[in-house]
Amino acid sequence: MTPNGLLDCLSETVTAAQSTEQLTRPLLDLLELITGLESTYLTRIDLDEGLQTILYARNSAQMQIPEGLSVPWHDTLCKRALDEGRPMTEDAQACWGDSEAARALGIRTYVTTPLHLEDGTLFGTLCAASTTCQPLNAQGRQALTLFGTLIEQHLQREHMLDRLRAANLQLEAFSNTDPLTRLPNRRALKHDMQRLFALALREGRSVLVAFIDLDGFKAINDVHGHDAGDAFLIEIAERLQDGMRSSDILGRVGGDEFVVVGLGSPNAEGAEDAGDPADALRARLTPLLQGRIVLDTCTLDYAGPSLGVICADPARYTPQEALKHADAAMYVEKKARHART
């Protein structure tokens, strides 16, 4: 390949590569072509496990270095080369005859360059080897260094993108999660309700929506302190979670307000079980939300919340409309409870 052809191939490889593998494999081909060595390969070093693994390899002659091969790091030529500052040898057996891995593979000529991540962590090595004694010219050494740098830069870019993706996922989780109870917040609940309503519509089922307002919560804060109030909310959240079915949705939508949404029965006439499904959901939730609640700083005998439960037809109500109706039903109950006290 002419110098211009080599540059064109290198430029195309670097520009088109979307992954480390897509970049590395053509570079290994080019490295074999430039150096004339039998095997070119990229390794990954796991210092915690003490292993070096062949990620990608190009084998063009007698020597066969298999991808996926893992060898003890302490026994490798790469470690010896890095420790001694000797990136190349034409007689590996004479330099490092105690390496069982090198002896088993029949390595004679060997050249390597280390690859580091942006924080200086050793990622692995880019290597070339042969079973014969074969000098490496300046062009070959330059190619090894250049290709190593290109792979190193791609690895660093991949790691940066991985960190950005992880950070974005964490930010998304934060934006959808109530920080105190770790339940979905109002934003996440609305999204999940859209999904559940669509499912109910496809299956011809109703949707049950329960709006929960914790009566007396302000008094708990006033009498026992805000830490006790927070602990009370967390306990309520855990009790609700314990009572949820696999298809139910649970979220905290306000300071002392929670919402439970679940699939109801099919809407076809005569398909409902005996009794009102809204009453069935109320009966399932009520025991979870009242009675003795033991906190670290106090014990509460809680009378229970105001609870509004509706059964909505997803063909007639949007999730937001169903939530408003459940909220209105909760206030009707709250008003009746206040009238009785």
C-alpha atoms as a PDB file:
ATOM      1  CA  MET A   1       0.000   0.000   0.000  1.00  0.00           C
ATOM      2  CA  THR A   2       1.361   3.425  -0.959  1.00  0.00           C
ATOM      3  CA  PRO A   3       1.780   6.155   1.695  1.00  0.00           C
ATOM      4  CA  ASN A   4      -1.179   8.037   0.218  1.00  0.00           C
ATOM      5  CA  GLY A   5      -3.258   4.874   0.202  1.00  0.00           C
ATOM      6  CA  LEU A   6      -2.301   4.238   3.827  1.00  0.00           C
ATOM      7  CA  LEU A   7      -3.317   7.747   4.840  1.00  0.00           C
ATOM      8  CA  ASP A   8      -6.623   7.443   3.005  1.00  0.00           C
ATOM      9  CA  CYS A   9      -7.348   4.120   4.694  1.00  0.00           C
ATOM     10  CA  LEU A  10      -6.397   5.515   8.096  1.00  0.00           C
ATOM     11  CA  SER A  11      -8.549   8.615   7.621  1.00  0.00           C
ATOM     12  CA  GLU A  12     -11.542   6.529   6.551  1.00  0.00           C
ATOM     13  CA  THR A  13     -11.117   4.191   9.524  1.00  0.00           C
ATOM     14  CA  VAL A  14     -10.912   6.961  12.097  1.00  0.00           C
ATOM     15  CA  THR A  15     -13.822   8.885  10.589  1.00  0.00           C
ATOM     16  CA  ALA A  16     -16.195   5.927  10.210  1.00  0.00           C
ATOM     17  CA  ALA A  17     -15.525   4.112  13.490  1.00  0.00           C
ATOM     18  CA  GLN A  18     -18.454   4.187  15.921  1.00  0.00           C
ATOM     19  CA  SER A  19     -16.965   1.790  18.468  1.00  0.00           C
ATOM     20  CA  THR A  20     -13.585   0.686  19.738  1.00  0.00           C
ATOM     21  CA  GLU A  21     -13.901  -2.562  17.799  1.00  0.00           C
ATOM     22  CA  GLN A  22     -14.754  -0.756  14.548  1.00  0.00           C
ATOM     23  CA  LEU A  23     -11.658   1.387  14.991  1.00  0.00           C
ATOM     24  CA  THR A  24      -9.303  -1.316  16.220  1.00  0.00           C
ATOM     25  CA  ARG A  25      -9.803  -4.088  13.677  1.00  0.00           C
ATOM     26  CA  PRO A  26      -8.781  -2.031  10.603  1.00  0.00           C
ATOM     27  CA  LEU A  27      -5.861  -0.585  12.577  1.00  0.00           C
ATOM     28  CA  LEU A  28      -4.660  -4.103  13.405  1.00  0.00           C
ATOM     29  CA  ASP A  29      -4.751  -4.928   9.686  1.00  0.00           C
ATOM     30  CA  LEU A  30      -2.750  -1.799   8.893  1.00  0.00           C
ATOM     31  CA  LEU A  31      -0.286  -2.493  11.702  1.00  0.00           C
ATOM     32  CA  GLU A  32       0.356  -6.003  10.382  1.00  0.00           C
ATOM     33  CA  LEU A  33       0.864  -4.583   6.899  1.00  0.00           C
ATOM     34  CA  ILE A  34       3.321  -1.919   8.072  1.00  0.00           C
ATOM     35  CA  THR A  35       5.336  -4.017  10.549  1.00  0.00           C
ATOM     36  CA  GLY A  36       5.227  -7.346   8.757  1.00  0.00           C
ATOM     37  CA  LEU A  37       4.708  -9.097  12.088  1.00  0.00           C
ATOM     38  CA  GLU A  38       2.457 -12.145  12.218  1.00  0.00           C
ATOM     39  CA  SER A  39       0.017 -11.091  14.931  1.00  0.00           C
ATOM     40  CA  THR A  40      -1.300  -7.719  16.006  1.00  0.00           C
ATOM     41  CA  TYR A  41      -3.668  -7.440  18.951  1.00  0.00           C
ATOM     42  CA  LEU A  42      -5.324  -5.192  21.507  1.00  0.00           C
ATOM     43  CA  THR A  43      -5.442  -6.262  25.153  1.00  0.00           C
ATOM     44  CA  ARG A  44      -7.406  -5.262  28.241  1.00  0.00           C
ATOM     45  CA  ILE A  45      -5.664  -5.338  31.606  1.00  0.00           C
ATOM     46  CA  ASP A  46      -7.600  -5.974  34.806  1.00  0.00           C
ATOM     47  CA  LEU A  47      -5.210  -5.136  37.617  1.00  0.00           C
ATOM     48  CA  ASP A  48      -7.734  -6.073  40.309  1.00  0.00           C
ATOM     49  CA  GLU A  49      -8.162  -9.578  38.895  1.00  0.00           C
ATOM     50  CA  GLY A  50      -4.536  -9.814  37.793  1.00  0.00           C
ATOM     51  CA  LEU A  51      -5.477 -10.758  34.213  1.00  0.00           C
ATOM     52  CA  GLN A  52      -4.649  -9.606  30.716  1.00  0.00           C
ATOM     53  CA  THR A  53      -7.222 -10.470  28.037  1.00  0.00           C
ATOM     54  CA  ILE A  54      -6.955 -10.381  24.244  1.00  0.00           C
ATOM     55  CA  LEU A  55      -9.850  -8.225  23.022  1.00  0.00           C
ATOM     56  CA  TYR A  56      -9.191  -8.167  19.267  1.00  0.00           C
ATOM     57  CA  ALA A  57      -6.501  -9.929  17.261  1.00  0.00           C
ATOM     58  CA  ARG A  58      -5.256 -10.154  13.692  1.00  0.00           C
ATOM     59  CA  ASN A  59      -3.319 -13.360  12.862  1.00  0.00           C
ATOM     60  CA  SER A  60      -1.802 -13.601   9.392  1.00  0.00           C
ATOM     61  CA  ALA A  61       0.649 -16.523   9.580  1.00  0.00           C
ATOM     62  CA  GLN A  62       1.823 -19.287  11.903  1.00  0.00           C
ATOM     63  CA  MET A  63       1.270 -17.471  15.171  1.00  0.00           C
ATOM     64  CA  GLN A  64      -2.302 -17.649  16.480  1.00  0.00           C
ATOM     65  CA  ILE A  65      -3.223 -15.363  19.371  1.00  0.00           C
ATOM     66  CA  PRO A  66      -6.895 -16.117  20.111  1.00  0.00           C
ATOM     67  CA  GLU A  67      -9.381 -13.437  21.027  1.00  0.00           C
ATOM     68  CA  GLY A  68     -10.745 -13.909  24.530  1.00  0.00           C
ATOM     69  CA  LEU A  69      -7.550 -15.508  25.808  1.00  0.00           C
ATOM     70  CA  SER A  70      -6.810 -14.438  29.389  1.00  0.00           C
ATOM     71  CA  VAL A  71      -3.413 -14.932  31.010  1.00  0.00           C
ATOM     72  CA  PRO A  72      -2.019 -13.950  34.433  1.00  0.00           C
ATOM     73  CA  TRP A  73      -0.856 -10.340  34.220  1.00  0.00           C
ATOM     74  CA  HIS A  74       2.332 -11.010  36.183  1.00  0.00           C
ATOM     75  CA  ASP A  75       3.461 -13.537  33.524  1.00  0.00           C
ATOM     76  CA  THR A  76       2.950 -11.392  30.441  1.00  0.00           C
ATOM     77  CA  LEU A  77       5.504  -9.791  28.172  1.00  0.00           C
ATOM     78  CA  CYS A  78       3.507  -6.567  28.397  1.00  0.00           C
ATOM     79  CA  LYS A  79       4.112  -6.269  32.132  1.00  0.00           C
ATOM     80  CA  ARG A  80       7.792  -7.013  31.744  1.00  0.00           C
ATOM     81  CA  ALA A  81       8.118  -4.510  28.905  1.00  0.00           C
ATOM     82  CA  LEU A  82       6.347  -1.777  30.899  1.00  0.00           C
ATOM     83  CA  ASP A  83       8.274  -2.487  34.087  1.00  0.00           C
ATOM     84  CA  GLU A  84      11.631  -2.419  32.265  1.00  0.00           C
ATOM     85  CA  GLY A  85      10.853   0.382  29.832  1.00  0.00           C
ATOM     86  CA  ARG A  86      11.627  -1.979  26.955  1.00  0.00           C
ATOM     87  CA  PRO A  87       8.796  -1.601  24.375  1.00  0.00           C
ATOM     88  CA  MET A  88      10.466  -3.879  21.809  1.00  0.00           C
ATOM     89  CA  THR A  89      12.654  -6.935  21.564  1.00  0.00           C
ATOM     90  CA  GLU A  90      13.708  -9.145  18.686  1.00  0.00           C
ATOM     91  CA  ASP A  91      14.361 -12.065  21.014  1.00  0.00           C
ATOM     92  CA  ALA A  92      11.684 -12.362  23.703  1.00  0.00           C
ATOM     93  CA  GLN A  93      12.977 -15.767  24.764  1.00  0.00           C
ATOM     94  CA  ALA A  94      16.358 -14.317  25.600  1.00  0.00           C
ATOM     95  CA  CYS A  95      14.884 -11.281  27.423  1.00  0.00           C
ATOM     96  CA  TRP A  96      12.019 -12.928  29.248  1.00  0.00           C
ATOM     97  CA  GLY A  97      12.437 -16.659  28.995  1.00  0.00           C
ATOM     98  CA  ASP A  98      10.507 -17.209  32.217  1.00  0.00           C
ATOM     99  CA  SER A  99       7.226 -16.109  30.622  1.00  0.00           C
ATOM    100  CA  GLU A 100       5.123 -19.222  30.116  1.00  0.00           C
ATOM    101  CA  ALA A 101       2.559 -17.318  28.034  1.00  0.00           C
ATOM    102  CA  ALA A 102       5.217 -16.068  25.603  1.00  0.00           C
ATOM    103  CA  ARG A 103       6.806 -19.516  25.382  1.00  0.00           C
ATOM    104  CA  ALA A 104       3.463 -21.204  24.724  1.00  0.00           C
ATOM    105  CA  LEU A 105       2.633 -18.761  21.924  1.00  0.00           C
ATOM    106  CA  GLY A 106       6.138 -18.980  20.458  1.00  0.00           C
ATOM    107  CA  ILE A 107       6.720 -15.236  20.579  1.00  0.00           C
ATOM    108  CA  ARG A 108      10.155 -14.121  19.392  1.00  0.00           C
ATOM    109  CA  THR A 109       9.802 -10.568  18.098  1.00  0.00           C
ATOM    110  CA  TYR A 110       7.575  -8.441  20.274  1.00  0.00           C
ATOM    111  CA  VAL A 111       6.576  -4.765  20.407  1.00  0.00           C
ATOM    112  CA  THR A 112       3.999  -3.017  22.608  1.00  0.00           C
ATOM    113  CA  THR A 113       2.634   0.364  23.614  1.00  0.00           C
ATOM    114  CA  PRO A 114       0.476   1.022  26.685  1.00  0.00           C
ATOM    115  CA  LEU A 115      -2.993   2.564  26.488  1.00  0.00           C
ATOM    116  CA  HIS A 116      -4.260   4.795  29.282  1.00  0.00           C
ATOM    117  CA  LEU A 117      -7.598   6.372  30.112  1.00  0.00           C
ATOM    118  CA  GLU A 118      -7.880  10.111  30.753  1.00  0.00           C
ATOM    119  CA  ASP A 119      -7.295   9.672  34.496  1.00  0.00           C
ATOM    120  CA  GLY A 120      -4.044   7.816  33.860  1.00  0.00           C
ATOM    121  CA  THR A 121      -5.491   4.363  34.539  1.00  0.00           C
ATOM    122  CA  LEU A 122      -3.834   1.634  32.487  1.00  0.00           C
ATOM    123  CA  PHE A 123      -6.472   0.242  30.110  1.00  0.00           C
ATOM    124  CA  GLY A 124      -4.402  -2.241  28.142  1.00  0.00           C
ATOM    125  CA  THR A 125      -1.825  -2.531  25.388  1.00  0.00           C
ATOM    126  CA  LEU A 126      -1.527  -2.519  21.611  1.00  0.00           C
ATOM    127  CA  CYS A 127       0.952  -5.188  20.549  1.00  0.00           C
ATOM    128  CA  ALA A 128       2.532  -6.902  17.561  1.00  0.00           C
ATOM    129  CA  ALA A 129       4.473 -10.167  17.637  1.00  0.00           C
ATOM    130  CA  SER A 130       6.072 -12.823  15.475  1.00  0.00           C
ATOM    131  CA  THR A 131       7.587 -16.285  15.860  1.00  0.00           C
ATOM    132  CA  THR A 132      10.690 -15.150  13.950  1.00  0.00           C
ATOM    133  CA  CYS A 133      13.330 -12.548  14.623  1.00  0.00           C
ATOM    134  CA  GLN A 134      12.238  -9.530  12.620  1.00  0.00           C
ATOM    135  CA  PRO A 135      13.582  -6.006  13.158  1.00  0.00           C
ATOM    136  CA  LEU A 136      11.046  -3.230  13.372  1.00  0.00           C
ATOM    137  CA  ASN A 137      11.825  -0.129  11.368  1.00  0.00           C
ATOM    138  CA  ALA A 138      11.075   3.442  12.352  1.00  0.00           C
ATOM    139  CA  GLN A 139       7.874   3.458  10.289  1.00  0.00           C
ATOM    140  CA  GLY A 140       6.596   0.430  12.195  1.00  0.00           C
ATOM    141  CA  ARG A 141       7.374   1.981  15.585  1.00  0.00           C
ATOM    142  CA  GLN A 142       5.681   5.230  14.564  1.00  0.00           C
ATOM    143  CA  ALA A 143       2.613   3.355  13.347  1.00  0.00           C
ATOM    144  CA  LEU A 144       2.343   1.450  16.632  1.00  0.00           C
ATOM    145  CA  THR A 145       2.543   4.679  18.632  1.00  0.00           C
ATOM    146  CA  LEU A 146       0.099   6.516  16.360  1.00  0.00           C
ATOM    147  CA  PHE A 147      -2.458   3.698  16.323  1.00  0.00           C
ATOM    148  CA  GLY A 148      -2.156   3.327  20.073  1.00  0.00           C
ATOM    149  CA  THR A 149      -2.863   7.034  20.494  1.00  0.00           C
ATOM    150  CA  LEU A 150      -5.906   6.834  18.217  1.00  0.00           C
ATOM    151  CA  ILE A 151      -7.343   3.882  20.142  1.00  0.00           C
ATOM    152  CA  GLU A 152      -6.521   5.586  23.424  1.00  0.00           C
ATOM    153  CA  GLN A 153      -8.377   8.743  22.368  1.00  0.00           C
ATOM    154  CA  HIS A 154     -11.368   6.699  21.231  1.00  0.00           C
ATOM    155  CA  LEU A 155     -11.443   4.831  24.549  1.00  0.00           C
ATOM    156  CA  GLN A 156     -11.329   8.105  26.439  1.00  0.00           C
ATOM    157  CA  ARG A 157     -14.182   9.473  24.327  1.00  0.00           C
ATOM    158  CA  GLU A 158     -16.233   6.314  24.927  1.00  0.00           C
ATOM    159  CA  HIS A 159     -15.640   6.519  28.670  1.00  0.00           C
ATOM    160  CA  MET A 160     -16.638  10.189  28.662  1.00  0.00           C
ATOM    161  CA  LEU A 161     -19.848   9.344  26.772  1.00  0.00           C
ATOM    162  CA  ASP A 162     -20.546   6.496  29.207  1.00  0.00           C
ATOM    163  CA  ARG A 163     -20.181   8.890  32.125  1.00  0.00           C
ATOM    164  CA  LEU A 164     -22.448  11.424  30.429  1.00  0.00           C
ATOM    165  CA  ARG A 165     -25.085   8.746  29.800  1.00  0.00           C
ATOM    166  CA  ALA A 166     -24.860   7.605  33.414  1.00  0.00           C
ATOM    167  CA  ALA A 167     -25.137  11.202  34.613  1.00  0.00           C
ATOM    168  CA  ASN A 168     -28.160  11.785  32.368  1.00  0.00           C
ATOM    169  CA  LEU A 169     -29.834   8.638  33.664  1.00  0.00           C
ATOM    170  CA  GLN A 170     -29.156   9.762  37.222  1.00  0.00           C
ATOM    171  CA  LEU A 171     -30.562  13.224  36.503  1.00  0.00           C
ATOM    172  CA  GLU A 172     -33.624  11.655  34.900  1.00  0.00           C
ATOM    173  CA  ALA A 173     -34.092   9.432  37.932  1.00  0.00           C
ATOM    174  CA  PHE A 174     -33.800  12.444  40.227  1.00  0.00           C
ATOM    175  CA  SER A 175     -36.323  14.385  38.155  1.00  0.00           C
ATOM    176  CA  ASN A 176     -38.817  11.506  38.382  1.00  0.00           C
ATOM    177  CA  THR A 177     -38.306  10.490  42.014  1.00  0.00           C
ATOM    178  CA  ASP A 178     -39.526  11.965  45.275  1.00  0.00           C
ATOM    179  CA  PRO A 179     -36.304  12.465  47.272  1.00  0.00           C
ATOM    180  CA  LEU A 180     -37.840  11.565  50.650  1.00  0.00           C
ATOM    181  CA  THR A 181     -39.848   8.411  49.932  1.00  0.00           C
ATOM    182  CA  ARG A 182     -38.033   7.370  46.727  1.00  0.00           C
ATOM    183  CA  LEU A 183     -41.435   6.911  45.100  1.00  0.00           C
ATOM    184  CA  PRO A 184     -42.250   8.256  41.624  1.00  0.00           C
ATOM    185  CA  ASN A 185     -43.159  11.941  41.845  1.00  0.00           C
ATOM    186  CA  ARG A 186     -46.059  13.713  40.132  1.00  0.00           C
ATOM    187  CA  ARG A 187     -44.147  14.025  36.856  1.00  0.00           C
ATOM    188  CA  ALA A 188     -43.316  10.320  36.746  1.00  0.00           C
ATOM    189  CA  LEU A 189     -46.823   9.354  37.866  1.00  0.00           C
ATOM    190  CA  LYS A 190     -48.402  11.240  34.968  1.00  0.00           C
ATOM    191  CA  HIS A 191     -46.107   9.465  32.519  1.00  0.00           C
ATOM    192  CA  ASP A 192     -46.863   6.047  34.031  1.00  0.00           C
ATOM    193  CA  MET A 193     -50.596   6.784  34.024  1.00  0.00           C
ATOM    194  CA  GLN A 194     -50.479   7.528  30.308  1.00  0.00           C
ATOM    195  CA  ARG A 195     -48.967   4.094  29.747  1.00  0.00           C
ATOM    196  CA  LEU A 196     -51.479   2.333  32.016  1.00  0.00           C
ATOM    197  CA  PHE A 197     -54.464   4.085  30.468  1.00  0.00           C
ATOM    198  CA  ALA A 198     -53.263   3.087  26.989  1.00  0.00           C
ATOM    199  CA  LEU A 199     -52.919  -0.516  28.133  1.00  0.00           C
ATOM    200  CA  ALA A 200     -56.383  -0.487  29.709  1.00  0.00           C
ATOM    201  CA  LEU A 201     -57.877   0.947  26.524  1.00  0.00           C
ATOM    202  CA  ARG A 202     -56.295  -1.793  24.401  1.00  0.00           C
ATOM    203  CA  GLU A 203     -57.513  -4.512  26.756  1.00  0.00           C
ATOM    204  CA  GLY A 204     -60.974  -3.020  27.286  1.00  0.00           C
ATOM    205  CA  ARG A 205     -60.440  -2.566  31.018  1.00  0.00           C
ATOM    206  CA  SER A 206     -61.220   0.166  33.496  1.00  0.00           C
ATOM    207  CA  VAL A 207     -58.652   2.069  35.542  1.00  0.00           C
ATOM    208  CA  LEU A 208     -58.867   2.508  39.301  1.00  0.00           C
ATOM    209  CA  VAL A 209     -57.454   5.723  40.732  1.00  0.00           C
ATOM    210  CA  ALA A 210     -57.081   6.332  44.471  1.00  0.00           C
ATOM    211  CA  PHE A 211     -56.127   9.782  45.795  1.00  0.00           C
ATOM    212  CA  ILE A 212     -54.803   9.682  49.370  1.00  0.00           C
ATOM    213  CA  ASP A 213     -54.512  12.702  51.669  1.00  0.00           C
ATOM    214  CA  LEU A 214     -52.925  12.074  55.066  1.00  0.00           C
ATOM    215  CA  ASP A 215     -55.254  13.825  57.492  1.00  0.00           C
ATOM    216  CA  GLY A 216     -53.544  15.091  60.610  1.00  0.00           C
ATOM    217  CA  PHE A 217     -50.093  15.243  59.061  1.00  0.00           C
ATOM    218  CA  LYS A 218     -49.576  18.898  60.053  1.00  0.00           C
ATOM    219  CA  ALA A 219     -50.352  18.006  63.665  1.00  0.00           C
ATOM    220  CA  ILE A 220     -47.717  15.247  63.573  1.00  0.00           C
ATOM    221  CA  ASN A 221     -45.154  17.789  62.416  1.00  0.00           C
ATOM    222  CA  ASP A 222     -46.254  20.335  65.029  1.00  0.00           C
ATOM    223  CA  VAL A 223     -46.323  17.922  67.972  1.00  0.00           C
ATOM    224  CA  HIS A 224     -43.482  15.518  67.182  1.00  0.00           C
ATOM    225  CA  GLY A 225     -41.271  17.545  64.855  1.00  0.00           C
ATOM    226  CA  HIS A 226     -40.452  17.448  61.169  1.00  0.00           C
ATOM    227  CA  ASP A 227     -38.112  14.460  61.508  1.00  0.00           C
ATOM    228  CA  ALA A 228     -41.028  12.435  62.835  1.00  0.00           C
ATOM    229  CA  GLY A 229     -43.196  13.808  60.028  1.00  0.00           C
ATOM    230  CA  ASP A 230     -40.647  12.667  57.440  1.00  0.00           C
ATOM    231  CA  ALA A 231     -40.396   9.257  59.097  1.00  0.00           C
ATOM    232  CA  PHE A 232     -44.180   8.986  59.030  1.00  0.00           C
ATOM    233  CA  LEU A 233     -44.282   9.713  55.295  1.00  0.00           C
ATOM    234  CA  ILE A 234     -41.583   7.128  54.633  1.00  0.00           C
ATOM    235  CA  GLU A 235     -43.489   4.534  56.684  1.00  0.00           C
ATOM    236  CA  ILE A 236     -46.711   5.242  54.782  1.00  0.00           C
ATOM    237  CA  ALA A 237     -44.831   4.923  51.476  1.00  0.00           C
ATOM    238  CA  GLU A 238     -43.372   1.570  52.529  1.00  0.00           C
ATOM    239  CA  ARG A 239     -46.757   0.273  53.661  1.00  0.00           C
ATOM    240  CA  LEU A 240     -48.308   1.252  50.359  1.00  0.00           C
ATOM    241  CA  GLN A 241     -45.482  -0.367  48.419  1.00  0.00           C
ATOM    242  CA  ASP A 242     -45.989  -3.590  50.356  1.00  0.00           C
ATOM    243  CA  GLY A 243     -49.662  -3.598  49.343  1.00  0.00           C
ATOM    244  CA  MET A 244     -49.142  -2.944  45.636  1.00  0.00           C
ATOM    245  CA  ARG A 245     -49.856  -5.456  42.900  1.00  0.00           C
ATOM    246  CA  SER A 246     -47.421  -5.912  40.023  1.00  0.00           C
ATOM    247  CA  SER A 247     -49.463  -3.749  37.647  1.00  0.00           C
ATOM    248  CA  ASP A 248     -50.207  -0.986  40.178  1.00  0.00           C
ATOM    249  CA  ILE A 249     -48.649   2.477  40.034  1.00  0.00           C
ATOM    250  CA  LEU A 250     -47.799   4.351  43.222  1.00  0.00           C
ATOM    251  CA  GLY A 251     -46.556   7.910  43.544  1.00  0.00           C
ATOM    252  CA  ARG A 252     -46.210  10.819  45.955  1.00  0.00           C
ATOM    253  CA  VAL A 253     -47.798  13.873  44.363  1.00  0.00           C
ATOM    254  CA  GLY A 254     -47.635  16.393  47.210  1.00  0.00           C
ATOM    255  CA  GLY A 255     -46.456  16.933  50.752  1.00  0.00           C
ATOM    256  CA  ASP A 256     -48.930  14.487  52.301  1.00  0.00           C
ATOM    257  CA  GLU A 257     -50.635  13.220  49.148  1.00  0.00           C
ATOM    258  CA  PHE A 258     -50.184   9.855  47.448  1.00  0.00           C
ATOM    259  CA  VAL A 259     -51.844   8.278  44.419  1.00  0.00           C
ATOM    260  CA  VAL A 260     -52.416   4.625  43.603  1.00  0.00           C
ATOM    261  CA  VAL A 261     -53.467   3.596  40.090  1.00  0.00           C
ATOM    262  CA  GLY A 262     -54.349   0.081  39.001  1.00  0.00           C
ATOM    263  CA  LEU A 263     -56.062  -1.877  36.273  1.00  0.00           C
ATOM    264  CA  GLY A 264     -59.716  -2.653  36.818  1.00  0.00           C
ATOM    265  CA  SER A 265     -61.878  -5.388  35.357  1.00  0.00           C
ATOM    266  CA  PRO A 266     -63.010  -5.591  31.713  1.00  0.00           C
ATOM    267  CA  ASN A 267     -65.628  -3.021  30.791  1.00  0.00           C
ATOM    268  CA  ALA A 268     -67.926  -5.494  29.068  1.00  0.00           C
ATOM    269  CA  GLU A 269     -71.336  -5.795  30.691  1.00  0.00           C
ATOM    270  CA  GLY A 270     -71.437  -8.629  33.203  1.00  0.00           C
ATOM    271  CA  ALA A 271     -67.632  -8.947  33.278  1.00  0.00           C
ATOM    272  CA  GLU A 272     -67.139  -7.133  36.584  1.00  0.00           C
ATOM    273  CA  ASP A 273     -66.680  -9.189  39.703  1.00  0.00           C
ATOM    274  CA  ALA A 274     -69.368  -8.914  42.344  1.00  0.00           C
ATOM    275  CA  GLY A 275     -69.129  -5.585  44.145  1.00  0.00           C
ATOM    276  CA  ASP A 276     -67.730  -2.210  43.228  1.00  0.00           C
ATOM    277  CA  PRO A 277     -64.065  -2.405  42.085  1.00  0.00           C
ATOM    278  CA  ALA A 278     -63.440   1.031  43.602  1.00  0.00           C
ATOM    279  CA  ASP A 279     -64.686  -0.281  46.951  1.00  0.00           C
ATOM    280  CA  ALA A 280     -62.396  -3.293  46.552  1.00  0.00           C
ATOM    281  CA  LEU A 281     -59.374  -1.025  46.080  1.00  0.00           C
ATOM    282  CA  ARG A 282     -60.422   1.077  49.071  1.00  0.00           C
ATOM    283  CA  ALA A 283     -60.716  -2.086  51.176  1.00  0.00           C
ATOM    284  CA  ARG A 284     -57.228  -3.137  50.094  1.00  0.00           C
ATOM    285  CA  LEU A 285     -55.624   0.223  50.881  1.00  0.00           C
ATOM    286  CA  THR A 286     -57.411   1.210  54.118  1.00  0.00           C
ATOM    287  CA  PRO A 287     -55.731  -1.350  56.453  1.00  0.00           C
ATOM    288  CA  LEU A 288     -52.334  -0.210  55.172  1.00  0.00           C
ATOM    289  CA  LEU A 289     -52.985   3.400  56.141  1.00  0.00           C
ATOM    290  CA  GLN A 290     -54.301   3.272  59.667  1.00  0.00           C
ATOM    291  CA  GLY A 291     -53.513   1.812  63.064  1.00  0.00           C
ATOM    292  CA  ARG A 292     -50.387   1.889  65.178  1.00  0.00           C
ATOM    293  CA  ILE A 293     -47.323   3.333  63.465  1.00  0.00           C
ATOM    294  CA  VAL A 294     -44.061   2.965  65.374  1.00  0.00           C
ATOM    295  CA  LEU A 295     -41.399   5.546  64.543  1.00  0.00           C
ATOM    296  CA  ASP A 296     -37.964   6.039  66.065  1.00  0.00           C
ATOM    297  CA  THR A 297     -39.057   9.007  68.182  1.00  0.00           C
ATOM    298  CA  CYS A 298     -42.723   8.241  68.830  1.00  0.00           C
ATOM    299  CA  THR A 299     -45.627   5.855  68.336  1.00  0.00           C
ATOM    300  CA  LEU A 300     -48.750   7.064  66.566  1.00  0.00           C
ATOM    301  CA  ASP A 301     -52.265   5.651  66.613  1.00  0.00           C
ATOM    302  CA  TYR A 302     -53.245   6.922  63.198  1.00  0.00           C
ATOM    303  CA  ALA A 303     -56.939   7.098  62.298  1.00  0.00           C
ATOM    304  CA  GLY A 304     -56.247   6.964  58.595  1.00  0.00           C
ATOM    305  CA  PRO A 305     -56.346   9.354  55.636  1.00  0.00           C
ATOM    306  CA  SER A 306     -59.064  10.771  53.460  1.00  0.00           C
ATOM    307  CA  LEU A 307     -59.294   8.484  50.468  1.00  0.00           C
ATOM    308  CA  GLY A 308     -60.986   9.178  47.147  1.00  0.00           C
ATOM    309  CA  VAL A 309     -61.295   6.214  44.778  1.00  0.00           C
ATOM    310  CA  ILE A 310     -62.856   6.192  41.311  1.00  0.00           C
ATOM    311  CA  CYS A 311     -63.249   3.657  38.515  1.00  0.00           C
ATOM    312  CA  ALA A 312     -62.505   5.370  35.189  1.00  0.00           C
ATOM    313  CA  ASP A 313     -63.216   4.286  31.633  1.00  0.00           C
ATOM    314  CA  PRO A 314     -60.023   5.114  29.660  1.00  0.00           C
ATOM    315  CA  ALA A 315     -62.146   5.734  26.570  1.00  0.00           C
ATOM    316  CA  ARG A 316     -63.927   8.590  28.366  1.00  0.00           C
ATOM    317  CA  TYR A 317     -61.312  10.025  30.740  1.00  0.00           C
ATOM    318  CA  THR A 318     -57.743  11.142  30.301  1.00  0.00           C
ATOM    319  CA  PRO A 319     -55.323  10.355  33.129  1.00  0.00           C
ATOM    320  CA  GLN A 320     -55.400  13.994  34.233  1.00  0.00           C
ATOM    321  CA  GLU A 321     -59.211  14.057  34.290  1.00  0.00           C
ATOM    322  CA  ALA A 322     -59.319  10.796  36.261  1.00  0.00           C
ATOM    323  CA  LEU A 323     -56.838  12.212  38.755  1.00  0.00           C
ATOM    324  CA  LYS A 324     -58.982  15.326  39.215  1.00  0.00           C
ATOM    325  CA  HIS A 325     -62.081  13.201  39.827  1.00  0.00           C
ATOM    326  CA  ALA A 326     -60.254  11.093  42.400  1.00  0.00           C
ATOM    327  CA  ASP A 327     -58.971  14.267  44.065  1.00  0.00           C
ATOM    328  CA  ALA A 328     -62.530  15.631  44.173  1.00  0.00           C
ATOM    329  CA  ALA A 329     -63.790  12.349  45.683  1.00  0.00           C
ATOM    330  CA  MET A 330     -61.090  12.600  48.333  1.00  0.00           C
ATOM    331  CA  TYR A 331     -62.236  16.110  49.302  1.00  0.00           C
ATOM    332  CA  VAL A 332     -65.827  14.899  49.618  1.00  0.00           C
ATOM    333  CA  GLU A 333     -64.638  12.286  52.097  1.00  0.00           C
ATOM    334  CA  LYS A 334     -62.426  14.784  53.909  1.00  0.00           C
ATOM    335  CA  LYS A 335     -65.376  17.165  54.318  1.00  0.00           C
ATOM    336  CA  ALA A 336     -67.577  14.359  55.647  1.00  0.00           C
ATOM    337  CA  ARG A 337     -64.878  13.284  58.117  1.00  0.00           C
ATOM    338  CA  HIS A 338     -64.507  16.828  59.401  1.00  0.00           C
ATOM    339  CA  ALA A 339     -68.274  17.085  59.815  1.00  0.00           C
ATOM    340  CA  ARG A 340     -68.253  14.006  62.032  1.00  0.00           C
ATOM    341  CA  THR A 341     -65.553  15.365  64.352  1.00  0.00           C
END
